[in-house]
Amino acid sequence: MAASLRILVVARYRDLCDAVATALRDAGEEAHCSTSVDDAVRRLQTEAFDLAMIEAVPPNLTTHQAARDEATRRGVPWIALVTTHVPAGAAAVLRMPFDDAELVNTVRSGARRG
């Protein structure tokens, strides 16, 4: 069995963060939640992650841009969780709504690309 990925999930809403993290944990991955961009940036600076899943908010909201920038600076590939807007630089894009199998497949392929 392959080693589990250490993943930081960054989303504005606790429910979304928890749902994504739970599905990843159920698939054998190590997932951690952050609903604050300041917390996400701090964790990216002080902890080792294999991958980040970062909610992509509409382009006029920059709340999660700092987390995407920090992940990129640290060499941590990131997957954008999107409804419509697709940010540049993502290792992969996961459009909401999605099912657990699609989530896990996207994470594992995004980690290989990163």
PDB file of N, CA and C in Angstrom:
ATOM      1  N   MET A   1       0.847  -1.186   0.000  1.00  0.00           N
ATOM      2  CA  MET A   1       0.000   0.000   0.000  1.00  0.00           C
ATOM      3  C   MET A   1       0.894   1.251   0.000  1.00  0.00           C
ATOM      4  N   ALA A   2       0.559   2.200  -0.834  1.00  0.00           N
ATOM      5  CA  ALA A   2       1.330   3.450  -0.934  1.00  0.00           C
ATOM      6  C   ALA A   2       1.132   4.293   0.325  1.00  0.00           C
ATOM      7  N   ALA A   3       2.145   5.090   0.619  1.00  0.00           N
ATOM      8  CA  ALA A   3       2.042   5.993   1.775  1.00  0.00           C
ATOM      9  C   ALA A   3       0.945   7.008   1.528  1.00  0.00           C
ATOM     10  N   SER A   4       0.284   7.399   2.582  1.00  0.00           N
ATOM     11  CA  SER A   4      -0.792   8.373   2.431  1.00  0.00           C
ATOM     12  C   SER A   4      -0.224   9.757   2.150  1.00  0.00           C
ATOM     13  N   LEU A   5      -1.013  10.555   1.447  1.00  0.00           N
ATOM     14  CA  LEU A   5      -0.659  11.943   1.165  1.00  0.00           C
ATOM     15  C   LEU A   5      -1.076  12.811   2.340  1.00  0.00           C
ATOM     16  N   ARG A   6      -0.269  13.785   2.664  1.00  0.00           N
ATOM     17  CA  ARG A   6      -0.610  14.774   3.693  1.00  0.00           C
ATOM     18  C   ARG A   6      -1.168  15.988   2.948  1.00  0.00           C
ATOM     19  N   ILE A   7      -2.459  16.267   3.163  1.00  0.00           N
ATOM     20  CA  ILE A   7      -3.187  17.257   2.366  1.00  0.00           C
ATOM     21  C   ILE A   7      -3.781  18.334   3.261  1.00  0.00           C
ATOM     22  N   LEU A   8      -3.618  19.588   2.848  1.00  0.00           N
ATOM     23  CA  LEU A   8      -4.270  20.710   3.523  1.00  0.00           C
ATOM     24  C   LEU A   8      -5.462  21.134   2.679  1.00  0.00           C
ATOM     25  N   VAL A   9      -6.648  21.106   3.281  1.00  0.00           N
ATOM     26  CA  VAL A   9      -7.873  21.529   2.607  1.00  0.00           C
ATOM     27  C   VAL A   9      -8.210  22.928   3.113  1.00  0.00           C
ATOM     28  N   VAL A  10      -8.337  23.887   2.184  1.00  0.00           N
ATOM     29  CA  VAL A  10      -8.609  25.275   2.534  1.00  0.00           C
ATOM     30  C   VAL A  10      -9.934  25.678   1.883  1.00  0.00           C
ATOM     31  N   ALA A  11     -10.916  25.998   2.718  1.00  0.00           N
ATOM     32  CA  ALA A  11     -12.233  26.407   2.209  1.00  0.00           C
ATOM     33  C   ALA A  11     -12.847  27.409   3.173  1.00  0.00           C
ATOM     34  N   ARG A  12     -13.698  28.268   2.632  1.00  0.00           N
ATOM     35  CA  ARG A  12     -14.339  29.292   3.463  1.00  0.00           C
ATOM     36  C   ARG A  12     -15.297  28.701   4.475  1.00  0.00           C
ATOM     37  N   TYR A  13     -15.943  27.618   4.121  1.00  0.00           N
ATOM     38  CA  TYR A  13     -17.009  27.076   4.962  1.00  0.00           C
ATOM     39  C   TYR A  13     -16.572  25.766   5.604  1.00  0.00           C
ATOM     40  N   ARG A  14     -16.759  25.652   6.910  1.00  0.00           N
ATOM     41  CA  ARG A  14     -16.373  24.467   7.674  1.00  0.00           C
ATOM     42  C   ARG A  14     -17.011  23.213   7.090  1.00  0.00           C
ATOM     43  N   ASP A  15     -18.287  23.276   6.690  1.00  0.00           N
ATOM     44  CA  ASP A  15     -18.966  22.092   6.154  1.00  0.00           C
ATOM     45  C   ASP A  15     -18.252  21.548   4.916  1.00  0.00           C
ATOM     46  N   LEU A  16     -17.866  22.428   4.007  1.00  0.00           N
ATOM     47  CA  LEU A  16     -17.161  22.002   2.799  1.00  0.00           C
ATOM     48  C   LEU A  16     -15.799  21.421   3.172  1.00  0.00           C
ATOM     49  N   CYS A  17     -15.077  22.105   4.024  1.00  0.00           N
ATOM     50  CA  CYS A  17     -13.750  21.659   4.453  1.00  0.00           C
ATOM     51  C   CYS A  17     -13.843  20.274   5.089  1.00  0.00           C
ATOM     52  N   ASP A  18     -14.774  20.105   6.007  1.00  0.00           N
ATOM     53  CA  ASP A  18     -14.939  18.830   6.693  1.00  0.00           C
ATOM     54  C   ASP A  18     -15.356  17.711   5.741  1.00  0.00           C
ATOM     55  N   ALA A  19     -16.252  17.999   4.802  1.00  0.00           N
ATOM     56  CA  ALA A  19     -16.715  16.973   3.854  1.00  0.00           C
ATOM     57  C   ALA A  19     -15.564  16.484   2.978  1.00  0.00           C
ATOM     58  N   VAL A  20     -14.758  17.414   2.481  1.00  0.00           N
ATOM     59  CA  VAL A  20     -13.615  17.044   1.643  1.00  0.00           C
ATOM     60  C   VAL A  20     -12.604  16.252   2.472  1.00  0.00           C
ATOM     61  N   ALA A  21     -12.272  16.740   3.658  1.00  0.00           N
ATOM     62  CA  ALA A  21     -11.290  16.065   4.507  1.00  0.00           C
ATOM     63  C   ALA A  21     -11.766  14.667   4.908  1.00  0.00           C
ATOM     64  N   THR A  22     -13.040  14.523   5.222  1.00  0.00           N
ATOM     65  CA  THR A  22     -13.575  13.217   5.605  1.00  0.00           C
ATOM     66  C   THR A  22     -13.480  12.228   4.451  1.00  0.00           C
ATOM     67  N   ALA A  23     -13.835  12.662   3.253  1.00  0.00           N
ATOM     68  CA  ALA A  23     -13.753  11.772   2.083  1.00  0.00           C
ATOM     69  C   ALA A  23     -12.307  11.355   1.827  1.00  0.00           C
ATOM     70  N   LEU A  24     -11.373  12.279   1.992  1.00  0.00           N
ATOM     71  CA  LEU A  24      -9.959  11.945   1.793  1.00  0.00           C
ATOM     72  C   LEU A  24      -9.456  10.989   2.868  1.00  0.00           C
ATOM     73  N   ARG A  25      -9.854  11.216   4.105  1.00  0.00           N
ATOM     74  CA  ARG A  25      -9.461  10.308   5.195  1.00  0.00           C
ATOM     75  C   ARG A  25     -10.037   8.916   4.969  1.00  0.00           C
ATOM     76  N   ASP A  26     -11.292   8.853   4.528  1.00  0.00           N
ATOM     77  CA  ASP A  26     -11.928   7.560   4.247  1.00  0.00           C
ATOM     78  C   ASP A  26     -11.183   6.805   3.151  1.00  0.00           C
ATOM     79  N   ALA A  27     -10.491   7.537   2.272  1.00  0.00           N
ATOM     80  CA  ALA A  27      -9.708   6.928   1.188  1.00  0.00           C
ATOM     81  C   ALA A  27      -8.266   6.646   1.620  1.00  0.00           C
ATOM     82  N   GLY A  28      -7.954   6.884   2.905  1.00  0.00           N
ATOM     83  CA  GLY A  28      -6.639   6.559   3.422  1.00  0.00           C
ATOM     84  C   GLY A  28      -5.628   7.690   3.405  1.00  0.00           C
ATOM     85  N   GLU A  29      -6.070   8.894   3.077  1.00  0.00           N
ATOM     86  CA  GLU A  29      -5.161  10.040   3.054  1.00  0.00           C
ATOM     87  C   GLU A  29      -5.196  10.764   4.398  1.00  0.00           C
ATOM     88  N   GLU A  30      -4.181  11.570   4.668  1.00  0.00           N
ATOM     89  CA  GLU A  30      -4.121  12.377   5.886  1.00  0.00           C
ATOM     90  C   GLU A  30      -4.534  13.799   5.509  1.00  0.00           C
ATOM     91  N   ALA A  31      -5.724  14.202   5.917  1.00  0.00           N
ATOM     92  CA  ALA A  31      -6.262  15.508   5.517  1.00  0.00           C
ATOM     93  C   ALA A  31      -6.447  16.414   6.726  1.00  0.00           C
ATOM     94  N   HIS A  32      -6.117  17.696   6.530  1.00  0.00           N
ATOM     95  CA  HIS A  32      -6.231  18.720   7.577  1.00  0.00           C
ATOM     96  C   HIS A  32      -7.025  19.883   7.013  1.00  0.00           C
ATOM     97  N   CYS A  33      -7.888  20.482   7.837  1.00  0.00           N
ATOM     98  CA  CYS A  33      -8.756  21.581   7.412  1.00  0.00           C
ATOM     99  C   CYS A  33      -8.253  22.932   7.876  1.00  0.00           C
ATOM    100  N   SER A  34      -8.507  23.927   7.036  1.00  0.00           N
ATOM    101  CA  SER A  34      -8.285  25.313   7.419  1.00  0.00           C
ATOM    102  C   SER A  34      -9.380  26.157   6.773  1.00  0.00           C
ATOM    103  N   THR A  35     -10.096  26.928   7.594  1.00  0.00           N
ATOM    104  CA  THR A  35     -11.135  27.815   7.060  1.00  0.00           C
ATOM    105  C   THR A  35     -10.700  29.273   7.128  1.00  0.00           C
ATOM    106  N   SER A  36      -9.479  29.511   7.545  1.00  0.00           N
ATOM    107  CA  SER A  36      -8.926  30.862   7.627  1.00  0.00           C
ATOM    108  C   SER A  36      -7.700  30.933   6.728  1.00  0.00           C
ATOM    109  N   VAL A  37      -7.632  31.939   5.886  1.00  0.00           N
ATOM    110  CA  VAL A  37      -6.471  32.059   5.004  1.00  0.00           C
ATOM    111  C   VAL A  37      -5.205  32.299   5.814  1.00  0.00           C
ATOM    112  N   ASP A  38      -5.293  33.045   6.914  1.00  0.00           N
ATOM    113  CA  ASP A  38      -4.114  33.269   7.762  1.00  0.00           C
ATOM    114  C   ASP A  38      -3.605  31.948   8.338  1.00  0.00           C
ATOM    115  N   ASP A  39      -4.527  31.100   8.794  1.00  0.00           N
ATOM    116  CA  ASP A  39      -4.148  29.793   9.322  1.00  0.00           C
ATOM    117  C   ASP A  39      -3.545  28.938   8.216  1.00  0.00           C
ATOM    118  N   ALA A  40      -4.136  28.958   7.035  1.00  0.00           N
ATOM    119  CA  ALA A  40      -3.627  28.159   5.919  1.00  0.00           C
ATOM    120  C   ALA A  40      -2.206  28.578   5.549  1.00  0.00           C
ATOM    121  N   VAL A  41      -1.960  29.873   5.454  1.00  0.00           N
ATOM    122  CA  VAL A  41      -0.621  30.367   5.120  1.00  0.00           C
ATOM    123  C   VAL A  41       0.381  29.956   6.203  1.00  0.00           C
ATOM    124  N   ARG A  42       0.006  30.137   7.478  1.00  0.00           N
ATOM    125  CA  ARG A  42       0.890  29.756   8.575  1.00  0.00           C
ATOM    126  C   ARG A  42       1.222  28.274   8.515  1.00  0.00           C
ATOM    127  N   ARG A  43       0.219  27.449   8.272  1.00  0.00           N
ATOM    128  CA  ARG A  43       0.448  26.002   8.229  1.00  0.00           C
ATOM    129  C   ARG A  43       1.316  25.616   7.042  1.00  0.00           C
ATOM    130  N   LEU A  44       1.109  26.260   5.897  1.00  0.00           N
ATOM    131  CA  LEU A  44       1.959  25.981   4.739  1.00  0.00           C
ATOM    132  C   LEU A  44       3.408  26.377   5.002  1.00  0.00           C
ATOM    133  N   GLN A  45       3.605  27.405   5.815  1.00  0.00           N
ATOM    134  CA  GLN A  45       4.950  27.868   6.142  1.00  0.00           C
ATOM    135  C   GLN A  45       5.645  26.986   7.180  1.00  0.00           C
ATOM    136  N   THR A  46       4.868  26.336   8.046  1.00  0.00           N
ATOM    137  CA  THR A  46       5.471  25.627   9.178  1.00  0.00           C
ATOM    138  C   THR A  46       5.290  24.108   9.155  1.00  0.00           C
ATOM    139  N   GLU A  47       4.451  23.595   8.283  1.00  0.00           N
ATOM    140  CA  GLU A  47       4.205  22.160   8.214  1.00  0.00           C
ATOM    141  C   GLU A  47       4.476  21.660   6.801  1.00  0.00           C
ATOM    142  N   ALA A  48       4.756  20.374   6.680  1.00  0.00           N
ATOM    143  CA  ALA A  48       5.006  19.772   5.366  1.00  0.00           C
ATOM    144  C   ALA A  48       3.709  19.159   4.830  1.00  0.00           C
ATOM    145  N   PHE A  49       3.334  19.548   3.630  1.00  0.00           N
ATOM    146  CA  PHE A  49       2.171  18.982   2.954  1.00  0.00           C
ATOM    147  C   PHE A  49       2.581  18.495   1.572  1.00  0.00           C
ATOM    148  N   ASP A  50       1.957  17.403   1.125  1.00  0.00           N
ATOM    149  CA  ASP A  50       2.196  16.888  -0.218  1.00  0.00           C
ATOM    150  C   ASP A  50       1.329  17.601  -1.243  1.00  0.00           C
ATOM    151  N   LEU A  51       0.212  18.146  -0.777  1.00  0.00           N
ATOM    152  CA  LEU A  51      -0.775  18.728  -1.678  1.00  0.00           C
ATOM    153  C   LEU A  51      -1.688  19.647  -0.887  1.00  0.00           C
ATOM    154  N   ALA A  52      -2.188  20.681  -1.534  1.00  0.00           N
ATOM    155  CA  ALA A  52      -3.216  21.548  -0.934  1.00  0.00           C
ATOM    156  C   ALA A  52      -4.430  21.552  -1.848  1.00  0.00           C
ATOM    157  N   MET A  53      -5.601  21.515  -1.264  1.00  0.00           N
ATOM    158  CA  MET A  53      -6.852  21.692  -2.014  1.00  0.00           C
ATOM    159  C   MET A  53      -7.411  23.020  -1.556  1.00  0.00           C
ATOM    160  N   ILE A  54      -7.495  23.974  -2.477  1.00  0.00           N
ATOM    161  CA  ILE A  54      -7.848  25.330  -2.100  1.00  0.00           C
ATOM    162  C   ILE A  54      -9.084  25.769  -2.880  1.00  0.00           C
ATOM    163  N   GLU A  55     -10.091  26.180  -2.131  1.00  0.00           N
ATOM    164  CA  GLU A  55     -11.308  26.674  -2.763  1.00  0.00           C
ATOM    165  C   GLU A  55     -10.971  27.915  -3.584  1.00  0.00           C
ATOM    166  N   ALA A  56     -11.412  27.933  -4.815  1.00  0.00           N
ATOM    167  CA  ALA A  56     -11.193  29.085  -5.688  1.00  0.00           C
ATOM    168  C   ALA A  56     -12.451  29.939  -5.644  1.00  0.00           C
ATOM    169  N   VAL A  57     -12.342  31.049  -4.949  1.00  0.00           N
ATOM    170  CA  VAL A  57     -13.479  31.959  -4.833  1.00  0.00           C
ATOM    171  C   VAL A  57     -13.532  32.821  -6.086  1.00  0.00           C
ATOM    172  N   PRO A  58     -14.658  33.475  -6.356  1.00  0.00           N
ATOM    173  CA  PRO A  58     -14.764  34.307  -7.549  1.00  0.00           C
ATOM    174  C   PRO A  58     -13.590  35.281  -7.667  1.00  0.00           C
ATOM    175  N   PRO A  59     -13.247  35.670  -8.889  1.00  0.00           N
ATOM    176  CA  PRO A  59     -12.033  36.453  -9.110  1.00  0.00           C
ATOM    177  C   PRO A  59     -11.982  37.802  -8.401  1.00  0.00           C
ATOM    178  N   ASN A  60     -13.110  38.347  -8.018  1.00  0.00           N
ATOM    179  CA  ASN A  60     -13.074  39.640  -7.327  1.00  0.00           C
ATOM    180  C   ASN A  60     -12.824  39.485  -5.829  1.00  0.00           C
ATOM    181  N   LEU A  61     -12.776  38.258  -5.337  1.00  0.00           N
ATOM    182  CA  LEU A  61     -12.464  38.000  -3.932  1.00  0.00           C
ATOM    183  C   LEU A  61     -11.073  37.390  -3.857  1.00  0.00           C
ATOM    184  N   THR A  62     -10.190  37.994  -3.105  1.00  0.00           N
ATOM    185  CA  THR A  62      -8.806  37.527  -3.052  1.00  0.00           C
ATOM    186  C   THR A  62      -8.491  36.738  -1.791  1.00  0.00           C
ATOM    187  N   THR A  63      -9.497  36.329  -1.054  1.00  0.00           N
ATOM    188  CA  THR A  63      -9.264  35.714   0.254  1.00  0.00           C
ATOM    189  C   THR A  63      -8.333  34.509   0.212  1.00  0.00           C
ATOM    190  N   HIS A  64      -8.444  33.666  -0.778  1.00  0.00           N
ATOM    191  CA  HIS A  64      -7.624  32.465  -0.801  1.00  0.00           C
ATOM    192  C   HIS A  64      -6.405  32.594  -1.706  1.00  0.00           C
ATOM    193  N   GLN A  65      -6.214  33.753  -2.325  1.00  0.00           N
ATOM    194  CA  GLN A  65      -5.050  33.963  -3.183  1.00  0.00           C
ATOM    195  C   GLN A  65      -3.750  33.819  -2.384  1.00  0.00           C
ATOM    196  N   ALA A  66      -3.718  34.310  -1.165  1.00  0.00           N
ATOM    197  CA  ALA A  66      -2.513  34.213  -0.339  1.00  0.00           C
ATOM    198  C   ALA A  66      -2.144  32.752  -0.087  1.00  0.00           C
ATOM    199  N   ALA A  67      -3.136  31.896   0.133  1.00  0.00           N
ATOM    200  CA  ALA A  67      -2.865  30.473   0.346  1.00  0.00           C
ATOM    201  C   ALA A  67      -2.333  29.834  -0.941  1.00  0.00           C
ATOM    202  N   ARG A  68      -2.910  30.184  -2.088  1.00  0.00           N
ATOM    203  CA  ARG A  68      -2.411  29.655  -3.361  1.00  0.00           C
ATOM    204  C   ARG A  68      -0.976  30.121  -3.605  1.00  0.00           C
ATOM    205  N   ASP A  69      -0.709  31.391  -3.341  1.00  0.00           N
ATOM    206  CA  ASP A  69       0.643  31.927  -3.533  1.00  0.00           C
ATOM    207  C   ASP A  69       1.651  31.224  -2.630  1.00  0.00           C
ATOM    208  N   GLU A  70       1.281  30.998  -1.366  1.00  0.00           N
ATOM    209  CA  GLU A  70       2.196  30.353  -0.425  1.00  0.00           C
ATOM    210  C   GLU A  70       2.454  28.906  -0.822  1.00  0.00           C
ATOM    211  N   ALA A  71       1.412  28.193  -1.234  1.00  0.00           N
ATOM    212  CA  ALA A  71       1.599  26.814  -1.688  1.00  0.00           C
ATOM    213  C   ALA A  71       2.570  26.784  -2.869  1.00  0.00           C
ATOM    214  N   THR A  72       2.388  27.690  -3.814  1.00  0.00           N
ATOM    215  CA  THR A  72       3.268  27.761  -4.976  1.00  0.00           C
ATOM    216  C   THR A  72       4.699  28.066  -4.550  1.00  0.00           C
ATOM    217  N   ARG A  73       4.877  29.046  -3.653  1.00  0.00           N
ATOM    218  CA  ARG A  73       6.209  29.399  -3.141  1.00  0.00           C
ATOM    219  C   ARG A  73       6.901  28.211  -2.481  1.00  0.00           C
ATOM    220  N   ARG A  74       6.130  27.394  -1.773  1.00  0.00           N
ATOM    221  CA  ARG A  74       6.673  26.246  -1.033  1.00  0.00           C
ATOM    222  C   ARG A  74       6.821  25.004  -1.909  1.00  0.00           C
ATOM    223  N   GLY A  75       6.399  25.089  -3.170  1.00  0.00           N
ATOM    224  CA  GLY A  75       6.480  23.932  -4.060  1.00  0.00           C
ATOM    225  C   GLY A  75       5.442  22.875  -3.770  1.00  0.00           C
ATOM    226  N   VAL A  76       4.337  23.281  -3.134  1.00  0.00           N
ATOM    227  CA  VAL A  76       3.247  22.351  -2.822  1.00  0.00           C
ATOM    228  C   VAL A  76       2.216  22.451  -3.941  1.00  0.00           C
ATOM    229  N   PRO A  77       2.026  21.382  -4.724  1.00  0.00           N
ATOM    230  CA  PRO A  77       1.005  21.447  -5.767  1.00  0.00           C
ATOM    231  C   PRO A  77      -0.362  21.673  -5.130  1.00  0.00           C
ATOM    232  N   TRP A  78      -1.220  22.416  -5.822  1.00  0.00           N
ATOM    233  CA  TRP A  78      -2.548  22.663  -5.260  1.00  0.00           C
ATOM    234  C   TRP A  78      -3.605  22.399  -6.303  1.00  0.00           C
ATOM    235  N   ILE A  79      -4.729  21.930  -5.795  1.00  0.00           N
ATOM    236  CA  ILE A  79      -5.897  21.647  -6.628  1.00  0.00           C
ATOM    237  C   ILE A  79      -6.951  22.681  -6.303  1.00  0.00           C
ATOM    238  N   ALA A  80      -7.520  23.258  -7.330  1.00  0.00           N
ATOM    239  CA  ALA A  80      -8.555  24.263  -7.141  1.00  0.00           C
ATOM    240  C   ALA A  80      -9.921  23.594  -7.029  1.00  0.00           C
ATOM    241  N   LEU A  81     -10.642  23.915  -5.956  1.00  0.00           N
ATOM    242  CA  LEU A  81     -12.045  23.515  -5.803  1.00  0.00           C
ATOM    243  C   LEU A  81     -12.867  24.671  -6.359  1.00  0.00           C
ATOM    244  N   VAL A  82     -13.595  24.448  -7.435  1.00  0.00           N
ATOM    245  CA  VAL A  82     -14.260  25.561  -8.118  1.00  0.00           C
ATOM    246  C   VAL A  82     -15.730  25.283  -8.387  1.00  0.00           C
ATOM    247  N   THR A  83     -16.460  26.374  -8.557  1.00  0.00           N
ATOM    248  CA  THR A  83     -17.808  26.285  -9.109  1.00  0.00           C
ATOM    249  C   THR A  83     -17.788  26.834 -10.536  1.00  0.00           C
ATOM    250  N   THR A  84     -17.154  27.973 -10.738  1.00  0.00           N
ATOM    251  CA  THR A  84     -17.072  28.551 -12.086  1.00  0.00           C
ATOM    252  C   THR A  84     -15.672  29.053 -12.419  1.00  0.00           C
ATOM    253  N   HIS A  85     -15.091  29.874 -11.579  1.00  0.00           N
ATOM    254  CA  HIS A  85     -13.805  30.509 -11.857  1.00  0.00           C
ATOM    255  C   HIS A  85     -12.657  29.510 -11.716  1.00  0.00           C
ATOM    256  N   VAL A  86     -11.792  29.428 -12.716  1.00  0.00           N
ATOM    257  CA  VAL A  86     -10.642  28.533 -12.676  1.00  0.00           C
ATOM    258  C   VAL A  86      -9.372  29.373 -12.607  1.00  0.00           C
ATOM    259  N   PRO A  87      -8.671  29.332 -11.462  1.00  0.00           N
ATOM    260  CA  PRO A  87      -7.451  30.127 -11.322  1.00  0.00           C
ATOM    261  C   PRO A  87      -6.272  29.491 -12.057  1.00  0.00           C
ATOM    262  N   ALA A  88      -5.339  30.314 -12.485  1.00  0.00           N
ATOM    263  CA  ALA A  88      -4.130  29.825 -13.139  1.00  0.00           C
ATOM    264  C   ALA A  88      -3.210  29.194 -12.107  1.00  0.00           C
ATOM    265  N   GLY A  89      -2.446  28.208 -12.526  1.00  0.00           N
ATOM    266  CA  GLY A  89      -1.417  27.627 -11.678  1.00  0.00           C
ATOM    267  C   GLY A  89      -1.801  26.357 -10.941  1.00  0.00           C
ATOM    268  N   ALA A  90      -3.033  25.927 -11.029  1.00  0.00           N
ATOM    269  CA  ALA A  90      -3.466  24.730 -10.303  1.00  0.00           C
ATOM    270  C   ALA A  90      -2.918  23.467 -10.950  1.00  0.00           C
ATOM    271  N   ALA A  91      -2.535  22.495 -10.132  1.00  0.00           N
ATOM    272  CA  ALA A  91      -2.101  21.194 -10.642  1.00  0.00           C
ATOM    273  C   ALA A  91      -3.290  20.445 -11.243  1.00  0.00           C
ATOM    274  N   ALA A  92      -4.479  20.735 -10.746  1.00  0.00           N
ATOM    275  CA  ALA A  92      -5.714  20.129 -11.243  1.00  0.00           C
ATOM    276  C   ALA A  92      -6.879  21.000 -10.784  1.00  0.00           C
ATOM    277  N   VAL A  93      -8.028  20.762 -11.386  1.00  0.00           N
ATOM    278  CA  VAL A  93      -9.244  21.498 -11.042  1.00  0.00           C
ATOM    279  C   VAL A  93     -10.336  20.482 -10.734  1.00  0.00           C
ATOM    280  N   LEU A  94     -11.066  20.711  -9.660  1.00  0.00           N
ATOM    281  CA  LEU A  94     -12.191  19.860  -9.283  1.00  0.00           C
ATOM    282  C   LEU A  94     -13.425  20.739  -9.201  1.00  0.00           C
ATOM    283  N   ARG A  95     -14.345  20.518 -10.118  1.00  0.00           N
ATOM    284  CA  ARG A  95     -15.564  21.328 -10.142  1.00  0.00           C
ATOM    285  C   ARG A  95     -16.584  20.781  -9.160  1.00  0.00           C
ATOM    286  N   MET A  96     -17.181  21.713  -8.386  1.00  0.00           N
ATOM    287  CA  MET A  96     -18.234  21.342  -7.444  1.00  0.00           C
ATOM    288  C   MET A  96     -19.568  21.385  -8.173  1.00  0.00           C
ATOM    289  N   PRO A  97     -20.510  20.516  -7.870  1.00  0.00           N
ATOM    290  CA  PRO A  97     -20.409  19.416  -6.910  1.00  0.00           C
ATOM    291  C   PRO A  97     -19.624  18.242  -7.505  1.00  0.00           C
ATOM    292  N   PHE A  98     -19.065  17.414  -6.646  1.00  0.00           N
ATOM    293  CA  PHE A  98     -18.298  16.248  -7.061  1.00  0.00           C
ATOM    294  C   PHE A  98     -18.616  15.110  -6.107  1.00  0.00           C
ATOM    295  N   ASP A  99     -18.327  13.884  -6.554  1.00  0.00           N
ATOM    296  CA  ASP A  99     -18.533  12.749  -5.647  1.00  0.00           C
ATOM    297  C   ASP A  99     -17.179  12.334  -5.064  1.00  0.00           C
ATOM    298  N   ASP A 100     -17.218  11.469  -4.070  1.00  0.00           N
ATOM    299  CA  ASP A 100     -15.995  11.082  -3.356  1.00  0.00           C
ATOM    300  C   ASP A 100     -14.966  10.446  -4.278  1.00  0.00           C
ATOM    301  N   ALA A 101     -15.411   9.590  -5.207  1.00  0.00           N
ATOM    302  CA  ALA A 101     -14.468   8.922  -6.116  1.00  0.00           C
ATOM    303  C   ALA A 101     -13.760   9.949  -7.001  1.00  0.00           C
ATOM    304  N   GLU A 102     -14.495  10.919  -7.511  1.00  0.00           N
ATOM    305  CA  GLU A 102     -13.896  11.966  -8.341  1.00  0.00           C
ATOM    306  C   GLU A 102     -12.887  12.785  -7.527  1.00  0.00           C
ATOM    307  N   LEU A 103     -13.227  13.092  -6.273  1.00  0.00           N
ATOM    308  CA  LEU A 103     -12.324  13.824  -5.379  1.00  0.00           C
ATOM    309  C   LEU A 103     -11.010  13.073  -5.202  1.00  0.00           C
ATOM    310  N   VAL A 104     -11.095  11.803  -4.843  1.00  0.00           N
ATOM    311  CA  VAL A 104      -9.897  11.010  -4.579  1.00  0.00           C
ATOM    312  C   VAL A 104      -9.060  10.855  -5.848  1.00  0.00           C
ATOM    313  N   ASN A 105      -9.688  10.585  -6.986  1.00  0.00           N
ATOM    314  CA  ASN A 105      -8.951  10.448  -8.245  1.00  0.00           C
ATOM    315  C   ASN A 105      -8.241  11.744  -8.619  1.00  0.00           C
ATOM    316  N   THR A 106      -8.899  12.879  -8.428  1.00  0.00           N
ATOM    317  CA  THR A 106      -8.298  14.169  -8.745  1.00  0.00           C
ATOM    318  C   THR A 106      -7.108  14.452  -7.829  1.00  0.00           C
ATOM    319  N   VAL A 107      -7.250  14.157  -6.541  1.00  0.00           N
ATOM    320  CA  VAL A 107      -6.159  14.371  -5.588  1.00  0.00           C
ATOM    321  C   VAL A 107      -4.949  13.529  -5.960  1.00  0.00           C
ATOM    322  N   ARG A 108      -5.170  12.280  -6.233  1.00  0.00           N
ATOM    323  CA  ARG A 108      -4.032  11.388  -6.534  1.00  0.00           C
ATOM    324  C   ARG A 108      -3.370  11.747  -7.862  1.00  0.00           C
ATOM    325  N   SER A 109      -4.140  12.143  -8.855  1.00  0.00           N
ATOM    326  CA  SER A 109      -3.512  12.555 -10.123  1.00  0.00           C
ATOM    327  C   SER A 109      -2.832  13.910  -9.977  1.00  0.00           C
ATOM    328  N   GLY A 110      -3.397  14.819  -9.192  1.00  0.00           N
ATOM    329  CA  GLY A 110      -2.771  16.115  -8.957  1.00  0.00           C
ATOM    330  C   GLY A 110      -1.477  15.996  -8.196  1.00  0.00           C
ATOM    331  N   ALA A 111      -1.405  15.067  -7.259  1.00  0.00           N
ATOM    332  CA  ALA A 111      -0.178  14.846  -6.490  1.00  0.00           C
ATOM    333  C   ALA A 111       0.921  14.296  -7.394  1.00  0.00           C
ATOM    334  N   ARG A 112       0.563  13.448  -8.351  1.00  0.00           N
ATOM    335  CA  ARG A 112       1.559  12.888  -9.284  1.00  0.00           C
ATOM    336  C   ARG A 112       2.109  13.982 -10.206  1.00  0.00           C
ATOM    337  N   ARG A 113       1.258  14.951 -10.585  1.00  0.00           N
ATOM    338  CA  ARG A 113       1.690  16.023 -11.486  1.00  0.00           C
ATOM    339  C   ARG A 113       2.576  17.033 -10.794  1.00  0.00           C
ATOM    340  N   GLY A 114       2.375  17.214  -9.467  1.00  0.00           N
ATOM    341  CA  GLY A 114       3.060  18.254  -8.724  1.00  0.00           C
ATOM    342  C   GLY A 114       4.500  18.051  -8.495  1.00  0.00           C
TER     343      GLY A 114
END
